[in-house]
Amino acid sequence: MNAPSPVKPTAAEAIVQREDKNGIAFVVLNRPAARNALSAAMLEALSKTLAGVAIDKSVRAVIVAANGPGFCAGHDLREITERRKDTDGGLAYTKALMDSCSSMIMSIHRMPQPVIAAVEGPASAAGCQLVATCDLAIGSKTASFATPGVHIGLFCSTPMVALSRNVAPKHTMEMLLTGGLASAEDAYLIGLINRVVAQGTARDEAFKLARQITAKSALTIKLGKEAFYRQLDMTLPEAYRYTGEVMVENMMARDAEEGISAFVEKRTPAWEDR
């Protein structure tokens, strides 16, 4: 089965689109003329869409993609420049924008479903941050990644948070300090994306990966994703204590009982997600 095909959007269409297929939600950025820059309106729409997906029990995995030639150009600099005309020079708007973006980014970690980025074209600044935040990422050969804020006197401090949690410090610092472009192949080598695929196939490959995940127990995936991110900030003894508790909780779940029985009996498990 293939992923839903990109469509040519009209001005009347939503700036964030959602389409579900086989238990997989496609969340698609849809400002192609603006290279899917994260305006305040787009951040609000993206946050609402992700929140709706998170509570939808029919959704077992999520793919974040984009229409047009670019994945996401980061924050909308034209909108930011326009708001400098506000009486406070745009201070209140900028604070609200950063809060909104950080809230949206953190919500991806809190989602019970795994989230996969399907990247075609450039992902810059907050767009690179979005890719780094997703649990998995597929990049086509057209994909590129950058934190280019230093070119315009604006260090990519918030994108740095997600990037530094995916990529080794010296690679992260090189991207941040130079603003240089990382190709899809470079991004794969430094651990920013999981694999590089042919041009135009990122959605299809992300869909195939999502299908592998949706064959598993949704409860098990939820417990595992939450535990992964929580243990990262713990000391080694704390992490083992916490994950031991998670293992016990997981072992007592019906799906673990079923999965182990199915393995012993050499049959396909029948998940109940509980």
Protein backbone atom coordinates (compact mmCIF):
# COMPACT_ATOMS: atom_id res chain seq x y z
CA MET A 1 0.00 0.00 0.00
CA ASN A 2 1.22 3.50 -0.80
CA ALA A 3 0.98 6.67 1.23
CA PRO A 4 -1.60 9.26 0.19
CA SER A 5 -0.26 11.22 -2.78
CA PRO A 6 0.53 14.92 -2.38
CA VAL A 7 -2.09 17.14 -3.93
CA LYS A 8 -1.79 20.61 -5.41
CA PRO A 9 -3.33 22.84 -2.74
CA THR A 10 -5.58 25.80 -3.33
CA ALA A 11 -5.61 28.99 -1.28
CA ALA A 12 -8.83 27.89 0.43
CA GLU A 13 -7.36 24.69 1.84
CA ALA A 14 -6.25 24.27 5.44
CA ILE A 15 -2.67 25.24 6.22
CA VAL A 16 -2.31 21.95 8.08
CA GLN A 17 -4.01 18.91 6.59
CA ARG A 18 -4.78 15.53 8.09
CA GLU A 19 -5.50 12.28 6.31
CA ASP A 20 -5.78 8.87 8.01
CA LYS A 21 -4.97 5.56 6.34
CA ASN A 22 -4.74 2.13 7.95
CA GLY A 23 -4.40 3.54 11.45
CA ILE A 24 -1.72 6.03 10.37
CA ALA A 25 -2.38 9.78 10.50
CA PHE A 26 -0.65 11.96 7.91
CA VAL A 27 -0.23 15.50 9.25
CA VAL A 28 0.80 17.70 6.33
CA LEU A 29 2.16 21.25 6.38
CA ASN A 30 0.40 23.14 3.61
CA ARG A 31 1.92 26.57 2.94
CA PRO A 32 3.97 25.55 -0.10
CA ALA A 33 4.31 29.10 -1.47
CA ALA A 34 5.93 30.12 1.84
CA ARG A 35 8.06 26.96 2.03
CA ASN A 36 5.78 25.90 4.89
CA ALA A 37 7.14 28.60 7.20
CA LEU A 38 5.72 28.34 10.72
CA SER A 39 3.51 31.38 11.02
CA ALA A 40 1.57 31.89 14.24
CA ALA A 41 -1.53 30.55 12.48
CA MET A 42 0.29 27.45 11.24
CA LEU A 43 1.70 26.71 14.69
CA GLU A 44 -1.79 26.96 16.16
CA ALA A 45 -3.24 24.70 13.46
CA LEU A 46 -0.42 22.18 13.84
CA SER A 47 -0.81 22.09 17.62
CA LYS A 48 -4.56 21.51 17.35
CA THR A 49 -4.12 18.80 14.73
CA LEU A 50 -1.51 16.95 16.77
CA ALA A 51 -3.66 17.22 19.89
CA GLY A 52 -6.58 15.67 18.02
CA VAL A 53 -4.41 12.85 16.72
CA ALA A 54 -2.96 12.16 20.17
CA ILE A 55 -6.36 11.32 21.68
CA ASP A 56 -7.60 9.35 18.66
CA LYS A 57 -7.30 5.69 19.66
CA SER A 58 -7.73 4.59 16.05
CA VAL A 59 -4.38 6.19 15.20
CA ARG A 60 -1.35 3.99 15.90
CA ALA A 61 1.38 6.04 14.18
CA VAL A 62 1.83 9.55 12.78
CA ILE A 63 3.68 10.86 9.73
CA VAL A 64 4.56 14.57 9.49
CA ALA A 65 5.05 15.64 5.87
CA ALA A 66 4.76 18.78 3.77
CA ASN A 67 3.35 19.90 0.45
CA GLY A 68 5.54 21.75 -2.05
CA PRO A 69 9.27 21.79 -2.74
CA GLY A 70 10.39 22.43 0.85
CA PHE A 71 9.65 20.65 4.11
CA CYS A 72 9.73 23.70 6.41
CA ALA A 73 11.70 26.95 6.30
CA GLY A 74 11.39 27.62 10.02
CA HIS A 75 9.60 30.61 11.49
CA ASP A 76 7.93 33.08 9.15
CA LEU A 77 10.47 35.94 9.04
CA ARG A 78 8.13 38.18 7.04
CA GLU A 79 5.52 37.89 9.77
CA ILE A 80 8.14 38.52 12.48
CA THR A 81 9.40 41.62 10.64
CA GLU A 82 5.88 42.97 10.24
CA ARG A 83 5.21 42.63 13.98
CA ARG A 84 8.18 44.90 14.76
CA LYS A 85 5.71 47.67 13.99
CA ASP A 86 3.80 46.80 17.20
CA THR A 87 4.06 49.34 20.00
CA ASP A 88 6.38 47.02 21.94
CA GLY A 89 8.52 46.29 18.90
CA GLY A 90 7.01 42.81 18.61
CA LEU A 91 8.12 41.63 22.06
CA ALA A 92 4.78 40.15 23.15
CA TYR A 93 4.24 38.51 19.76
CA THR A 94 7.73 36.98 19.75
CA LYS A 95 7.35 35.60 23.27
CA ALA A 96 3.98 34.07 22.36
CA LEU A 97 5.44 32.64 19.15
CA MET A 98 8.34 30.94 20.95
CA ASP A 99 6.01 29.58 23.64
CA SER A 100 3.64 28.25 20.99
CA CYS A 101 6.44 26.55 19.07
CA SER A 102 7.99 24.99 22.17
CA SER A 103 4.59 23.73 23.30
CA MET A 104 3.95 22.14 19.90
CA ILE A 105 7.39 20.55 19.84
CA MET A 106 7.06 19.09 23.34
CA SER A 107 3.61 17.71 22.52
CA ILE A 108 5.22 15.40 19.96
CA HIS A 109 7.21 13.70 22.73
CA ARG A 110 4.03 13.35 24.81
CA MET A 111 2.02 11.74 22.02
CA PRO A 112 1.36 8.04 22.66
CA GLN A 113 1.97 7.25 18.99
CA PRO A 114 5.42 7.26 17.34
CA VAL A 115 5.88 10.23 15.00
CA ILE A 116 7.85 9.93 11.74
CA ALA A 117 9.05 12.89 9.68
CA ALA A 118 8.92 12.40 5.90
CA VAL A 119 11.25 15.05 4.51
CA GLU A 120 11.44 16.24 0.91
CA GLY A 121 13.45 19.41 0.32
CA PRO A 122 14.98 21.81 2.86
CA ALA A 123 14.21 21.71 6.59
CA SER A 124 15.70 24.83 8.15
CA ALA A 125 15.82 26.34 11.65
CA ALA A 126 12.54 25.42 13.37
CA GLY A 127 11.89 23.07 10.44
CA CYS A 128 15.09 21.20 11.31
CA GLN A 129 13.96 21.31 14.94
CA LEU A 130 10.69 19.65 13.95
CA VAL A 131 12.54 16.83 12.17
CA ALA A 132 14.89 16.34 15.13
CA THR A 133 11.92 16.18 17.49
CA CYS A 134 10.09 13.43 15.61
CA ASP A 135 10.82 9.93 16.91
CA LEU A 136 12.00 8.78 13.47
CA ALA A 137 12.80 10.56 10.21
CA ILE A 138 13.03 9.59 6.55
CA GLY A 139 14.77 11.99 4.16
CA SER A 140 14.75 11.84 0.39
CA LYS A 141 17.87 12.73 -1.60
CA THR A 142 16.41 16.23 -2.04
CA ALA A 143 16.26 16.78 1.71
CA SER A 144 18.67 19.14 3.43
CA PHE A 145 18.99 20.37 6.98
CA ALA A 146 20.31 23.60 8.47
CA THR A 147 20.21 25.88 11.48
CA PRO A 148 21.12 29.04 9.56
CA GLY A 149 20.16 31.69 12.11
CA VAL A 150 23.74 32.93 12.48
CA HIS A 151 23.57 34.25 8.92
CA ILE A 152 20.94 36.78 10.00
CA GLY A 153 22.16 37.51 13.53
CA LEU A 154 19.74 35.13 15.23
CA PHE A 155 21.28 32.05 16.84
CA CYS A 156 19.04 28.96 16.49
CA SER A 157 18.75 28.46 20.26
CA THR A 158 15.43 26.60 20.38
CA PRO A 159 16.25 24.35 17.40
CA MET A 160 19.51 23.62 19.25
CA VAL A 161 17.56 21.83 22.01
CA ALA A 162 16.16 19.16 19.71
CA LEU A 163 19.26 18.98 17.52
CA SER A 164 21.63 18.47 20.47
CA ARG A 165 19.50 15.59 21.71
CA ASN A 166 19.88 13.78 18.38
CA VAL A 167 23.34 14.64 17.12
CA ALA A 168 26.82 14.52 18.70
CA PRO A 169 27.93 17.84 20.22
CA LYS A 170 30.62 18.73 17.66
CA HIS A 171 28.33 18.05 14.70
CA THR A 172 25.58 20.07 16.40
CA MET A 173 27.92 22.98 17.08
CA GLU A 174 29.19 22.97 13.51
CA MET A 175 25.64 23.28 12.19
CA LEU A 176 24.79 26.02 14.69
CA LEU A 177 27.99 28.06 14.41
CA THR A 178 28.36 27.97 10.63
CA GLY A 179 24.73 27.77 9.53
CA GLY A 180 25.93 25.33 6.91
CA LEU A 181 23.73 22.95 4.97
CA ALA A 182 23.74 19.23 5.73
CA SER A 183 22.69 16.96 2.88
CA ALA A 184 20.43 13.98 3.46
CA GLU A 185 23.49 11.74 3.39
CA ASP A 186 25.25 13.94 5.97
CA ALA A 187 22.13 13.95 8.16
CA TYR A 188 22.05 10.17 8.06
CA LEU A 189 25.71 9.87 9.02
CA ILE A 190 25.33 12.16 12.05
CA GLY A 191 22.12 10.47 13.24
CA LEU A 192 19.59 13.18 12.42
CA ILE A 193 17.56 10.92 10.11
CA ASN A 194 17.11 7.15 9.95
CA ARG A 195 17.56 6.61 6.23
CA VAL A 196 17.93 8.28 2.84
CA VAL A 197 15.53 7.34 0.04
CA ALA A 198 14.92 8.26 -3.58
CA GLN A 199 13.44 11.64 -4.46
CA GLY A 200 9.68 11.73 -4.06
CA THR A 201 9.46 8.55 -1.97
CA ALA A 202 9.84 9.87 1.59
CA ARG A 203 6.12 9.56 2.35
CA ASP A 204 5.90 6.05 0.94
CA GLU A 205 8.95 4.92 2.89
CA ALA A 206 7.66 6.55 6.08
CA PHE A 207 4.36 4.77 5.50
CA LYS A 208 6.12 1.41 5.17
CA LEU A 209 8.00 2.07 8.39
CA ALA A 210 4.80 3.12 10.15
CA ARG A 211 3.09 -0.08 8.98
CA GLN A 212 5.80 -2.12 10.68
CA ILE A 213 5.15 -0.26 13.92
CA THR A 214 1.36 -0.46 13.75
CA ALA A 215 1.59 -4.25 13.65
CA LYS A 216 2.75 -4.09 17.28
CA SER A 217 0.73 -3.58 20.45
CA ALA A 218 -0.24 0.09 20.76
CA LEU A 219 0.00 -0.17 24.54
CA THR A 220 3.54 -1.53 24.35
CA ILE A 221 4.59 1.22 21.94
CA LYS A 222 3.05 3.90 24.19
CA LEU A 223 4.81 2.60 27.31
CA GLY A 224 8.12 2.27 25.50
CA LYS A 225 8.06 5.73 23.92
CA GLU A 226 7.21 7.44 27.19
CA ALA A 227 9.91 5.50 29.05
CA PHE A 228 12.53 6.29 26.40
CA TYR A 229 12.21 10.05 26.79
CA ARG A 230 11.78 10.03 30.55
CA GLN A 231 14.89 7.98 31.26
CA LEU A 232 17.14 10.20 29.13
CA ASP A 233 17.34 12.86 31.85
CA MET A 234 17.87 10.41 34.73
CA THR A 235 21.05 9.17 36.35
CA LEU A 236 21.99 5.57 35.54
CA PRO A 237 20.59 4.15 38.84
CA GLU A 238 17.41 6.23 38.47
CA ALA A 239 16.97 5.10 34.88
CA TYR A 240 17.28 1.40 35.78
CA ARG A 241 14.93 1.80 38.74
CA TYR A 242 12.34 3.57 36.62
CA THR A 243 12.57 1.28 33.57
CA GLY A 244 12.41 -1.76 35.85
CA GLU A 245 9.07 -0.45 37.11
CA VAL A 246 7.95 0.08 33.52
CA MET A 247 8.95 -3.49 32.63
CA VAL A 248 6.89 -4.86 35.52
CA GLU A 249 3.89 -2.76 34.47
CA ASN A 250 4.31 -3.91 30.88
CA MET A 251 4.72 -7.57 31.89
CA MET A 252 1.41 -7.46 33.77
CA ALA A 253 -0.44 -6.12 30.71
CA ARG A 254 -2.68 -8.44 28.73
CA ASP A 255 -0.75 -7.81 25.51
CA ALA A 256 2.53 -8.99 27.05
CA GLU A 257 0.83 -12.16 28.25
CA GLU A 258 -0.62 -12.68 24.78
CA GLY A 259 2.61 -11.84 22.98
CA ILE A 260 4.69 -14.25 25.04
CA SER A 261 2.09 -17.00 24.67
CA ALA A 262 1.96 -16.45 20.91
CA PHE A 263 5.76 -16.66 20.69
CA VAL A 264 5.83 -19.91 22.66
CA GLU A 265 2.95 -21.34 20.64
CA LYS A 266 4.42 -20.09 17.33
CA ARG A 267 1.37 -18.11 16.24
CA THR A 268 0.52 -14.48 15.44
CA PRO A 269 -0.48 -12.50 18.55
CA ALA A 270 -3.93 -10.94 18.79
CA TRP A 271 -3.36 -7.54 20.38
CA GLU A 272 -6.01 -5.91 22.53
CA ASP A 273 -3.93 -2.82 23.36
CA ARG A 274 -4.36 -3.33 27.09
